[in-house]
């Protein structure tokens, strides 16, 4: 039986909504910077904040310049990474192989 959601006060609810909004904005800004080339894949993988760690690998690869859904899925299959895998769940070898595929641009 599922656990019921906790009852939140209006203040707690407002705080949770604000936190979720900040996380979505941070994720959007990070992915836009990655797409524009202001961040490299290595920069993103080195981040340790919750928003980055909770990002799905497929979404991250789709945000790289020149990589769409088809290429991103193909690379994940080639590396043996699930489409639903989050950044925090990637192993050291998987991270290294992703960086080999998408090296930082000088």
PDB file of N, CA and C in Angstrom:
ATOM      1  N   UNK A   1       0.847  -1.173   0.000  1.00  0.00           N
ATOM      2  CA  UNK A   1       0.000   0.000   0.000  1.00  0.00           C
ATOM      3  C   UNK A   1       0.895   1.240   0.000  1.00  0.00           C
ATOM      4  N   UNK A   2       0.634   2.188  -0.896  1.00  0.00           N
ATOM      5  CA  UNK A   2       1.485   3.379  -0.966  1.00  0.00           C
ATOM      6  C   UNK A   2       1.373   4.238   0.284  1.00  0.00           C
ATOM      7  N   UNK A   3       2.463   4.896   0.583  1.00  0.00           N
ATOM      8  CA  UNK A   3       2.496   5.801   1.718  1.00  0.00           C
ATOM      9  C   UNK A   3       1.770   7.086   1.343  1.00  0.00           C
ATOM     10  N   UNK A   4       0.866   7.556   2.210  1.00  0.00           N
ATOM     11  CA  UNK A   4       0.164   8.805   1.884  1.00  0.00           C
ATOM     12  C   UNK A   4       1.122   9.995   1.919  1.00  0.00           C
ATOM     13  N   UNK A   5       0.825  10.976   1.099  1.00  0.00           N
ATOM     14  CA  UNK A   5       1.643  12.189   1.082  1.00  0.00           C
ATOM     15  C   UNK A   5       1.494  12.935   2.399  1.00  0.00           C
ATOM     16  N   UNK A   6       2.566  13.549   2.874  1.00  0.00           N
ATOM     17  CA  UNK A   6       2.465  14.299   4.128  1.00  0.00           C
ATOM     18  C   UNK A   6       1.591  15.541   3.939  1.00  0.00           C
ATOM     19  N   UNK A   7       0.929  15.920   4.998  1.00  0.00           N
ATOM     20  CA  UNK A   7       0.127  17.136   4.968  1.00  0.00           C
ATOM     21  C   UNK A   7       1.060  18.316   5.201  1.00  0.00           C
ATOM     22  N   UNK A   8       1.039  19.267   4.279  1.00  0.00           N
ATOM     23  CA  UNK A   8       1.917  20.426   4.379  1.00  0.00           C
ATOM     24  C   UNK A   8       1.121  21.663   4.756  1.00  0.00           C
ATOM     25  N   UNK A   9       1.760  22.503   5.532  1.00  0.00           N
ATOM     26  CA  UNK A   9       1.151  23.796   5.826  1.00  0.00           C
ATOM     27  C   UNK A   9       1.269  24.653   4.569  1.00  0.00           C
ATOM     28  N   UNK A  10       0.493  25.697   4.463  1.00  0.00           N
ATOM     29  CA  UNK A  10       0.618  26.574   3.285  1.00  0.00           C
ATOM     30  C   UNK A  10       2.035  27.126   3.110  1.00  0.00           C
ATOM     31  N   UNK A  11       2.727  27.406   4.212  1.00  0.00           N
ATOM     32  CA  UNK A  11       4.093  27.915   4.127  1.00  0.00           C
ATOM     33  C   UNK A  11       5.042  26.845   3.583  1.00  0.00           C
ATOM     34  N   UNK A  12       4.880  25.607   4.070  1.00  0.00           N
ATOM     35  CA  UNK A  12       5.723  24.512   3.597  1.00  0.00           C
ATOM     36  C   UNK A  12       5.469  24.235   2.117  1.00  0.00           C
ATOM     37  N   UNK A  13       4.215  24.302   1.724  1.00  0.00           N
ATOM     38  CA  UNK A  13       3.858  24.078   0.317  1.00  0.00           C
ATOM     39  C   UNK A  13       4.479  25.157  -0.568  1.00  0.00           C
ATOM     40  N   UNK A  14       4.385  26.411  -0.142  1.00  0.00           N
ATOM     41  CA  UNK A  14       4.960  27.517  -0.916  1.00  0.00           C
ATOM     42  C   UNK A  14       6.474  27.365  -1.021  1.00  0.00           C
ATOM     43  N   UNK A  15       7.107  26.955   0.072  1.00  0.00           N
ATOM     44  CA  UNK A  15       8.559  26.755   0.067  1.00  0.00           C
ATOM     45  C   UNK A  15       8.947  25.617  -0.884  1.00  0.00           C
ATOM     46  N   UNK A  16       8.190  24.523  -0.859  1.00  0.00           N
ATOM     47  CA  UNK A  16       8.471  23.391  -1.744  1.00  0.00           C
ATOM     48  C   UNK A  16       8.288  23.784  -3.208  1.00  0.00           C
ATOM     49  N   UNK A  17       7.249  24.555  -3.501  1.00  0.00           N
ATOM     50  CA  UNK A  17       7.019  25.009  -4.874  1.00  0.00           C
ATOM     51  C   UNK A  17       8.142  25.931  -5.346  1.00  0.00           C
ATOM     52  N   UNK A  18       8.604  26.803  -4.471  1.00  0.00           N
ATOM     53  CA  UNK A  18       9.701  27.707  -4.826  1.00  0.00           C
ATOM     54  C   UNK A  18      10.988  26.916  -5.072  1.00  0.00           C
ATOM     55  N   UNK A  19      11.248  25.913  -4.234  1.00  0.00           N
ATOM     56  CA  UNK A  19      12.444  25.085  -4.396  1.00  0.00           C
ATOM     57  C   UNK A  19      12.390  24.330  -5.725  1.00  0.00           C
ATOM     58  N   UNK A  20      11.237  23.787  -6.063  1.00  0.00           N
ATOM     59  CA  UNK A  20      11.084  23.065  -7.331  1.00  0.00           C
ATOM     60  C   UNK A  20      11.284  24.004  -8.513  1.00  0.00           C
ATOM     61  N   UNK A  21      10.783  25.209  -8.403  1.00  0.00           N
ATOM     62  CA  UNK A  21      10.960  26.196  -9.472  1.00  0.00           C
ATOM     63  C   UNK A  21      12.421  26.557  -9.667  1.00  0.00           C
ATOM     64  N   UNK A  22      13.141  26.723  -8.557  1.00  0.00           N
ATOM     65  CA  UNK A  22      14.577  27.030  -8.644  1.00  0.00           C
ATOM     66  C   UNK A  22      15.337  25.875  -9.299  1.00  0.00           C
ATOM     67  N   UNK A  23      14.970  24.644  -8.946  1.00  0.00           N
ATOM     68  CA  UNK A  23      15.644  23.472  -9.517  1.00  0.00           C
ATOM     69  C   UNK A  23      15.387  23.380 -11.021  1.00  0.00           C
ATOM     70  N   UNK A  24      14.151  23.617 -11.446  1.00  0.00           N
ATOM     71  CA  UNK A  24      13.837  23.575 -12.879  1.00  0.00           C
ATOM     72  C   UNK A  24      14.584  24.664 -13.640  1.00  0.00           C
ATOM     73  N   UNK A  25      14.675  25.849 -13.043  1.00  0.00           N
ATOM     74  CA  UNK A  25      15.386  26.953 -13.694  1.00  0.00           C
ATOM     75  C   UNK A  25      16.875  26.634 -13.800  1.00  0.00           C
ATOM     76  N   UNK A  26      17.454  26.089 -12.732  1.00  0.00           N
ATOM     77  CA  UNK A  26      18.875  25.732 -12.731  1.00  0.00           C
ATOM     78  C   UNK A  26      19.159  24.673 -13.800  1.00  0.00           C
ATOM     79  N   UNK A  27      18.278  23.667 -13.905  1.00  0.00           N
ATOM     80  CA  UNK A  27      18.446  22.624 -14.910  1.00  0.00           C
ATOM     81  C   UNK A  27      18.356  23.208 -16.313  1.00  0.00           C
ATOM     82  N   UNK A  28      17.383  24.059 -16.529  1.00  0.00           N
ATOM     83  CA  UNK A  28      17.200  24.687 -17.836  1.00  0.00           C
ATOM     84  C   UNK A  28      18.421  25.511 -18.229  1.00  0.00           C
ATOM     85  N   UNK A  29      18.950  26.291 -17.295  1.00  0.00           N
ATOM     86  CA  UNK A  29      20.130  27.117 -17.573  1.00  0.00           C
ATOM     87  C   UNK A  29      21.357  26.256 -17.870  1.00  0.00           C
ATOM     88  N   UNK A  30      21.513  25.160 -17.120  1.00  0.00           N
ATOM     89  CA  UNK A  30      22.656  24.279 -17.334  1.00  0.00           C
ATOM     90  C   UNK A  30      22.581  23.633 -18.719  1.00  0.00           C
ATOM     91  N   UNK A  31      21.416  23.121 -19.088  1.00  0.00           N
ATOM     92  CA  UNK A  31      21.275  22.460 -20.381  1.00  0.00           C
ATOM     93  C   UNK A  31      21.416  23.452 -21.532  1.00  0.00           C
ATOM     94  N   UNK A  32      20.943  24.677 -21.344  1.00  0.00           N
ATOM     95  CA  UNK A  32      21.101  25.710 -22.380  1.00  0.00           C
ATOM     96  C   UNK A  32      22.577  26.071 -22.551  1.00  0.00           C
ATOM     97  N   UNK A  33      23.318  26.162 -21.447  1.00  0.00           N
ATOM     98  CA  UNK A  33      24.754  26.463 -21.519  1.00  0.00           C
ATOM     99  C   UNK A  33      25.506  25.323 -22.201  1.00  0.00           C
ATOM    100  N   UNK A  34      25.089  24.104 -21.948  1.00  0.00           N
ATOM    101  CA  UNK A  34      25.701  22.947 -22.597  1.00  0.00           C
ATOM    102  C   UNK A  34      25.425  22.989 -24.100  1.00  0.00           C
ATOM    103  N   UNK A  35      24.198  23.274 -24.480  1.00  0.00           N
ATOM    104  CA  UNK A  35      23.813  23.350 -25.893  1.00  0.00           C
ATOM    105  C   UNK A  35      24.564  24.466 -26.610  1.00  0.00           C
ATOM    106  N   UNK A  36      24.773  25.592 -25.916  1.00  0.00           N
ATOM    107  CA  UNK A  36      25.454  26.743 -26.517  1.00  0.00           C
ATOM    108  C   UNK A  36      26.974  26.591 -26.521  1.00  0.00           C
ATOM    109  N   UNK A  37      27.493  25.569 -25.830  1.00  0.00           N
ATOM    110  CA  UNK A  37      28.934  25.362 -25.802  1.00  0.00           C
ATOM    111  C   UNK A  37      29.645  26.117 -24.695  1.00  0.00           C
ATOM    112  N   UNK A  38      28.899  26.763 -23.805  1.00  0.00           N
ATOM    113  CA  UNK A  38      29.528  27.472 -22.685  1.00  0.00           C
ATOM    114  C   UNK A  38      29.983  26.500 -21.601  1.00  0.00           C
ATOM    115  N   UNK A  39      29.375  25.321 -21.568  1.00  0.00           N
ATOM    116  CA  UNK A  39      29.771  24.251 -20.654  1.00  0.00           C
ATOM    117  C   UNK A  39      30.116  23.021 -21.483  1.00  0.00           C
ATOM    118  N   UNK A  40      31.057  22.232 -20.996  1.00  0.00           N
ATOM    119  CA  UNK A  40      31.369  20.963 -21.656  1.00  0.00           C
ATOM    120  C   UNK A  40      30.712  19.832 -20.861  1.00  0.00           C
ATOM    121  N   UNK A  41      30.676  18.662 -21.463  1.00  0.00           N
ATOM    122  CA  UNK A  41      30.134  17.500 -20.767  1.00  0.00           C
ATOM    123  C   UNK A  41      30.941  17.233 -19.500  1.00  0.00           C
ATOM    124  N   UNK A  42      32.256  17.418 -19.583  1.00  0.00           N
ATOM    125  CA  UNK A  42      33.122  17.228 -18.415  1.00  0.00           C
ATOM    126  C   UNK A  42      32.736  18.182 -17.288  1.00  0.00           C
ATOM    127  N   UNK A  43      32.459  19.447 -17.635  1.00  0.00           N
ATOM    128  CA  UNK A  43      32.042  20.427 -16.624  1.00  0.00           C
ATOM    129  C   UNK A  43      30.779  19.959 -15.906  1.00  0.00           C
ATOM    130  N   UNK A  44      29.834  19.462 -16.677  1.00  0.00           N
ATOM    131  CA  UNK A  44      28.561  19.027 -16.096  1.00  0.00           C
ATOM    132  C   UNK A  44      28.766  17.791 -15.229  1.00  0.00           C
ATOM    133  N   UNK A  45      29.544  16.832 -15.714  1.00  0.00           N
ATOM    134  CA  UNK A  45      29.768  15.610 -14.937  1.00  0.00           C
ATOM    135  C   UNK A  45      30.531  15.888 -13.648  1.00  0.00           C
ATOM    136  N   UNK A  46      31.326  16.958 -13.615  1.00  0.00           N
ATOM    137  CA  UNK A  46      32.082  17.314 -12.411  1.00  0.00           C
ATOM    138  C   UNK A  46      31.238  18.038 -11.368  1.00  0.00           C
ATOM    139  N   UNK A  47      30.072  18.520 -11.760  1.00  0.00           N
ATOM    140  CA  UNK A  47      29.212  19.215 -10.798  1.00  0.00           C
ATOM    141  C   UNK A  47      28.670  18.213  -9.785  1.00  0.00           C
ATOM    142  N   UNK A  48      28.448  18.694  -8.572  1.00  0.00           N
ATOM    143  CA  UNK A  48      27.969  17.782  -7.532  1.00  0.00           C
ATOM    144  C   UNK A  48      26.650  18.234  -6.911  1.00  0.00           C
ATOM    145  N   UNK A  49      25.970  19.191  -7.538  1.00  0.00           N
ATOM    146  CA  UNK A  49      24.708  19.632  -6.941  1.00  0.00           C
ATOM    147  C   UNK A  49      23.584  18.649  -7.277  1.00  0.00           C
ATOM    148  N   UNK A  50      22.514  18.700  -6.505  1.00  0.00           N
ATOM    149  CA  UNK A  50      21.417  17.746  -6.655  1.00  0.00           C
ATOM    150  C   UNK A  50      20.754  17.817  -8.020  1.00  0.00           C
ATOM    151  N   UNK A  51      20.592  19.017  -8.537  1.00  0.00           N
ATOM    152  CA  UNK A  51      19.923  19.167  -9.825  1.00  0.00           C
ATOM    153  C   UNK A  51      20.696  18.439 -10.914  1.00  0.00           C
ATOM    154  N   UNK A  52      21.988  18.604 -10.941  1.00  0.00           N
ATOM    155  CA  UNK A  52      22.813  17.939 -11.949  1.00  0.00           C
ATOM    156  C   UNK A  52      22.799  16.435 -11.740  1.00  0.00           C
ATOM    157  N   UNK A  53      22.946  16.001 -10.524  1.00  0.00           N
ATOM    158  CA  UNK A  53      23.006  14.572 -10.230  1.00  0.00           C
ATOM    159  C   UNK A  53      21.711  13.862 -10.587  1.00  0.00           C
ATOM    160  N   UNK A  54      20.580  14.569 -10.518  1.00  0.00           N
ATOM    161  CA  UNK A  54      19.278  13.965 -10.803  1.00  0.00           C
ATOM    162  C   UNK A  54      18.898  14.013 -12.282  1.00  0.00           C
ATOM    163  N   UNK A  55      19.732  14.624 -13.118  1.00  0.00           N
ATOM    164  CA  UNK A  55      19.449  14.729 -14.549  1.00  0.00           C
ATOM    165  C   UNK A  55      19.655  13.375 -15.216  1.00  0.00           C
ATOM    166  N   UNK A  56      18.760  13.006 -16.095  1.00  0.00           N
ATOM    167  CA  UNK A  56      18.872  11.740 -16.816  1.00  0.00           C
ATOM    168  C   UNK A  56      19.947  11.847 -17.900  1.00  0.00           C
ATOM    169  N   UNK A  57      20.674  10.758 -18.100  1.00  0.00           N
ATOM    170  CA  UNK A  57      21.767  10.731 -19.073  1.00  0.00           C
ATOM    171  C   UNK A  57      21.260  11.053 -20.481  1.00  0.00           C
ATOM    172  N   UNK A  58      20.097  10.540 -20.858  1.00  0.00           N
ATOM    173  CA  UNK A  58      19.549  10.809 -22.191  1.00  0.00           C
ATOM    174  C   UNK A  58      19.299  12.300 -22.377  1.00  0.00           C
ATOM    175  N   UNK A  59      18.705  12.931 -21.389  1.00  0.00           N
ATOM    176  CA  UNK A  59      18.414  14.366 -21.467  1.00  0.00           C
ATOM    177  C   UNK A  59      19.712  15.168 -21.578  1.00  0.00           C
ATOM    178  N   UNK A  60      20.721  14.742 -20.859  1.00  0.00           N
ATOM    179  CA  UNK A  60      22.015  15.423 -20.901  1.00  0.00           C
ATOM    180  C   UNK A  60      22.637  15.331 -22.298  1.00  0.00           C
ATOM    181  N   UNK A  61      22.664  14.126 -22.870  1.00  0.00           N
ATOM    182  CA  UNK A  61      23.266  13.957 -24.195  1.00  0.00           C
ATOM    183  C   UNK A  61      22.479  14.697 -25.270  1.00  0.00           C
ATOM    184  N   UNK A  62      21.164  14.730 -25.143  1.00  0.00           N
ATOM    185  CA  UNK A  62      20.343  15.450 -26.120  1.00  0.00           C
ATOM    186  C   UNK A  62      20.635  16.943 -26.098  1.00  0.00           C
ATOM    187  N   UNK A  63      21.178  17.430 -25.011  1.00  0.00           N
ATOM    188  CA  UNK A  63      21.481  18.854 -24.885  1.00  0.00           C
ATOM    189  C   UNK A  63      22.845  19.223 -25.454  1.00  0.00           C
ATOM    190  N   UNK A  64      23.617  18.245 -25.872  1.00  0.00           N
ATOM    191  CA  UNK A  64      24.916  18.540 -26.480  1.00  0.00           C
ATOM    192  C   UNK A  64      24.715  19.066 -27.896  1.00  0.00           C
ATOM    193  N   UNK A  65      25.561  19.998 -28.330  1.00  0.00           N
ATOM    194  CA  UNK A  65      25.436  20.519 -29.698  1.00  0.00           C
ATOM    195  C   UNK A  65      25.603  19.401 -30.732  1.00  0.00           C
ATOM    196  N   UNK A  66      24.683  19.326 -31.675  1.00  0.00           N
ATOM    197  CA  UNK A  66      24.768  18.342 -32.747  1.00  0.00           C
ATOM    198  C   UNK A  66      24.307  16.950 -32.380  1.00  0.00           C
ATOM    199  N   UNK A  67      23.773  16.777 -31.177  1.00  0.00           N
ATOM    200  CA  UNK A  67      23.298  15.464 -30.744  1.00  0.00           C
ATOM    201  C   UNK A  67      21.797  15.564 -30.503  1.00  0.00           C
ATOM    202  N   UNK A  68      21.064  14.752 -31.221  1.00  0.00           N
ATOM    203  CA  UNK A  68      19.616  14.714 -31.050  1.00  0.00           C
ATOM    204  C   UNK A  68      19.213  13.441 -30.337  1.00  0.00           C
ATOM    205  N   UNK A  69      17.939  13.145 -30.390  1.00  0.00           N
ATOM    206  CA  UNK A  69      17.410  11.975 -29.698  1.00  0.00           C
ATOM    207  C   UNK A  69      18.001  10.677 -30.244  1.00  0.00           C
ATOM    208  N   UNK A  70      18.079  10.553 -31.562  1.00  0.00           N
ATOM    209  CA  UNK A  70      18.563   9.309 -32.172  1.00  0.00           C
ATOM    210  C   UNK A  70      20.027   9.055 -31.814  1.00  0.00           C
ATOM    211  N   UNK A  71      20.880  10.053 -31.989  1.00  0.00           N
ATOM    212  CA  UNK A  71      22.303   9.880 -31.665  1.00  0.00           C
ATOM    213  C   UNK A  71      22.495   9.621 -30.174  1.00  0.00           C
ATOM    214  N   UNK A  72      21.761  10.347 -29.345  1.00  0.00           N
ATOM    215  CA  UNK A  72      21.900  10.171 -27.897  1.00  0.00           C
ATOM    216  C   UNK A  72      21.536   8.744 -27.498  1.00  0.00           C
ATOM    217  N   UNK A  73      20.419   8.251 -28.024  1.00  0.00           N
ATOM    218  CA  UNK A  73      20.008   6.878 -27.699  1.00  0.00           C
ATOM    219  C   UNK A  73      21.023   5.866 -28.219  1.00  0.00           C
ATOM    220  N   UNK A  74      21.546   6.089 -29.417  1.00  0.00           N
ATOM    221  CA  UNK A  74      22.523   5.170 -30.001  1.00  0.00           C
ATOM    222  C   UNK A  74      23.781   5.110 -29.126  1.00  0.00           C
ATOM    223  N   UNK A  75      24.256   6.264 -28.681  1.00  0.00           N
ATOM    224  CA  UNK A  75      25.457   6.285 -27.834  1.00  0.00           C
ATOM    225  C   UNK A  75      25.197   5.587 -26.501  1.00  0.00           C
ATOM    226  N   UNK A  76      24.034   5.804 -25.925  1.00  0.00           N
ATOM    227  CA  UNK A  76      23.727   5.150 -24.654  1.00  0.00           C
ATOM    228  C   UNK A  76      23.666   3.634 -24.819  1.00  0.00           C
ATOM    229  N   UNK A  77      23.053   3.168 -25.911  1.00  0.00           N
ATOM    230  CA  UNK A  77      22.995   1.725 -26.166  1.00  0.00           C
ATOM    231  C   UNK A  77      24.404   1.169 -26.350  1.00  0.00           C
ATOM    232  N   UNK A  78      25.227   1.859 -27.130  1.00  0.00           N
ATOM    233  CA  UNK A  78      26.605   1.413 -27.365  1.00  0.00           C
ATOM    234  C   UNK A  78      27.402   1.315 -26.064  1.00  0.00           C
ATOM    235  N   UNK A  79      27.112   2.215 -25.126  1.00  0.00           N
ATOM    236  CA  UNK A  79      27.836   2.231 -23.852  1.00  0.00           C
ATOM    237  C   UNK A  79      27.185   1.346 -22.790  1.00  0.00           C
ATOM    238  N   UNK A  80      26.022   0.799 -23.105  1.00  0.00           N
ATOM    239  CA  UNK A  80      25.326  -0.042 -22.136  1.00  0.00           C
ATOM    240  C   UNK A  80      24.706   0.750 -21.000  1.00  0.00           C
ATOM    241  N   UNK A  81      24.292   1.980 -21.291  1.00  0.00           N
ATOM    242  CA  UNK A  81      23.684   2.843 -20.283  1.00  0.00           C
ATOM    243  C   UNK A  81      22.187   2.924 -20.554  1.00  0.00           C
ATOM    244  N   UNK A  82      21.390   2.706 -19.536  1.00  0.00           N
ATOM    245  CA  UNK A  82      19.942   2.807 -19.667  1.00  0.00           C
ATOM    246  C   UNK A  82      19.532   4.249 -19.943  1.00  0.00           C
ATOM    247  N   UNK A  83      18.481   4.420 -20.762  1.00  0.00           N
ATOM    248  CA  UNK A  83      17.984   5.764 -21.062  1.00  0.00           C
ATOM    249  C   UNK A  83      17.486   6.480 -19.812  1.00  0.00           C
ATOM    250  N   UNK A  84      17.069   5.719 -18.824  1.00  0.00           N
ATOM    251  CA  UNK A  84      16.528   6.324 -17.610  1.00  0.00           C
ATOM    252  C   UNK A  84      17.582   6.518 -16.518  1.00  0.00           C
ATOM    253  N   UNK A  85      18.827   6.154 -16.807  1.00  0.00           N
ATOM    254  CA  UNK A  85      19.907   6.299 -15.819  1.00  0.00           C
ATOM    255  C   UNK A  85      20.156   7.768 -15.532  1.00  0.00           C
ATOM    256  N   UNK A  86      20.314   8.084 -14.264  1.00  0.00           N
ATOM    257  CA  UNK A  86      20.630   9.457 -13.870  1.00  0.00           C
ATOM    258  C   UNK A  86      22.144   9.622 -13.798  1.00  0.00           C
ATOM    259  N   UNK A  87      22.593  10.865 -13.853  1.00  0.00           N
ATOM    260  CA  UNK A  87      24.024  11.163 -13.828  1.00  0.00           C
ATOM    261  C   UNK A  87      24.682  10.562 -12.593  1.00  0.00           C
ATOM    262  N   UNK A  88      24.011  10.642 -11.451  1.00  0.00           N
ATOM    263  CA  UNK A  88      24.603  10.121 -10.221  1.00  0.00           C
ATOM    264  C   UNK A  88      24.798   8.611 -10.275  1.00  0.00           C
ATOM    265  N   UNK A  89      24.086   7.913 -11.152  1.00  0.00           N
ATOM    266  CA  UNK A  89      24.184   6.466 -11.241  1.00  0.00           C
ATOM    267  C   UNK A  89      25.200   5.963 -12.248  1.00  0.00           C
ATOM    268  N   UNK A  90      25.885   6.867 -12.924  1.00  0.00           N
ATOM    269  CA  UNK A  90      26.893   6.450 -13.901  1.00  0.00           C
ATOM    270  C   UNK A  90      28.164   6.005 -13.190  1.00  0.00           C
ATOM    271  N   UNK A  91      28.750   4.937 -13.685  1.00  0.00           N
ATOM    272  CA  UNK A  91      30.006   4.456 -13.128  1.00  0.00           C
ATOM    273  C   UNK A  91      31.184   5.240 -13.683  1.00  0.00           C
ATOM    274  N   UNK A  92      32.341   5.036 -13.101  1.00  0.00           N
ATOM    275  CA  UNK A  92      33.552   5.754 -13.525  1.00  0.00           C
ATOM    276  C   UNK A  92      33.896   5.442 -14.978  1.00  0.00           C
ATOM    277  N   UNK A  93      33.756   4.185 -15.384  1.00  0.00           N
ATOM    278  CA  UNK A  93      34.058   3.815 -16.774  1.00  0.00           C
ATOM    279  C   UNK A  93      33.062   4.446 -17.740  1.00  0.00           C
ATOM    280  N   UNK A  94      31.799   4.462 -17.357  1.00  0.00           N
ATOM    281  CA  UNK A  94      30.781   5.069 -18.220  1.00  0.00           C
ATOM    282  C   UNK A  94      31.040   6.560 -18.387  1.00  0.00           C
ATOM    283  N   UNK A  95      31.393   7.227 -17.309  1.00  0.00           N
ATOM    284  CA  UNK A  95      31.720   8.656 -17.387  1.00  0.00           C
ATOM    285  C   UNK A  95      32.926   8.883 -18.300  1.00  0.00           C
ATOM    286  N   UNK A  96      33.952   8.058 -18.122  1.00  0.00           N
ATOM    287  CA  UNK A  96      35.164   8.203 -18.931  1.00  0.00           C
ATOM    288  C   UNK A  96      34.864   7.982 -20.410  1.00  0.00           C
ATOM    289  N   UNK A  97      34.036   6.997 -20.723  1.00  0.00           N
ATOM    290  CA  UNK A  97      33.705   6.735 -22.131  1.00  0.00           C
ATOM    291  C   UNK A  97      32.865   7.852 -22.720  1.00  0.00           C
ATOM    292  N   UNK A  98      31.974   8.442 -21.927  1.00  0.00           N
ATOM    293  CA  UNK A  98      31.192   9.592 -22.410  1.00  0.00           C
ATOM    294  C   UNK A  98      32.114  10.768 -22.718  1.00  0.00           C
ATOM    295  N   UNK A  99      33.093  10.990 -21.853  1.00  0.00           N
ATOM    296  CA  UNK A  99      34.031  12.101 -22.067  1.00  0.00           C
ATOM    297  C   UNK A  99      34.898  11.830 -23.299  1.00  0.00           C
ATOM    298  N   UNK A 100      35.236  10.556 -23.550  1.00  0.00           N
ATOM    299  CA  UNK A 100      35.976  10.216 -24.773  1.00  0.00           C
ATOM    300  C   UNK A 100      35.139  10.524 -26.016  1.00  0.00           C
ATOM    301  N   UNK A 101      33.850  10.198 -25.950  1.00  0.00           N
ATOM    302  CA  UNK A 101      32.958  10.447 -27.093  1.00  0.00           C
ATOM    303  C   UNK A 101      32.720  11.935 -27.319  1.00  0.00           C
ATOM    304  N   UNK A 102      32.629  12.678 -26.228  1.00  0.00           N
ATOM    305  CA  UNK A 102      32.319  14.113 -26.300  1.00  0.00           C
ATOM    306  C   UNK A 102      33.372  14.901 -25.527  1.00  0.00           C
ATOM    307  N   UNK A 103      34.595  14.986 -26.063  1.00  0.00           N
ATOM    308  CA  UNK A 103      35.671  15.676 -25.337  1.00  0.00           C
ATOM    309  C   UNK A 103      35.407  17.177 -25.244  1.00  0.00           C
ATOM    310  N   UNK A 104      35.964  17.815 -24.208  1.00  0.00           N
ATOM    311  CA  UNK A 104      35.819  19.277 -24.093  1.00  0.00           C
ATOM    312  C   UNK A 104      36.454  19.962 -25.299  1.00  0.00           C
ATOM    313  N   UNK A 105      35.786  20.968 -25.815  1.00  0.00           N
ATOM    314  CA  UNK A 105      36.306  21.723 -26.958  1.00  0.00           C
ATOM    315  C   UNK A 105      37.271  22.783 -26.455  1.00  0.00           C
ATOM    316  N   UNK A 106      38.411  22.890 -27.093  1.00  0.00           N
ATOM    317  CA  UNK A 106      39.432  23.862 -26.672  1.00  0.00           C
ATOM    318  C   UNK A 106      39.108  25.247 -27.168  1.00  0.00           C
TER     319      UNK A 106
END
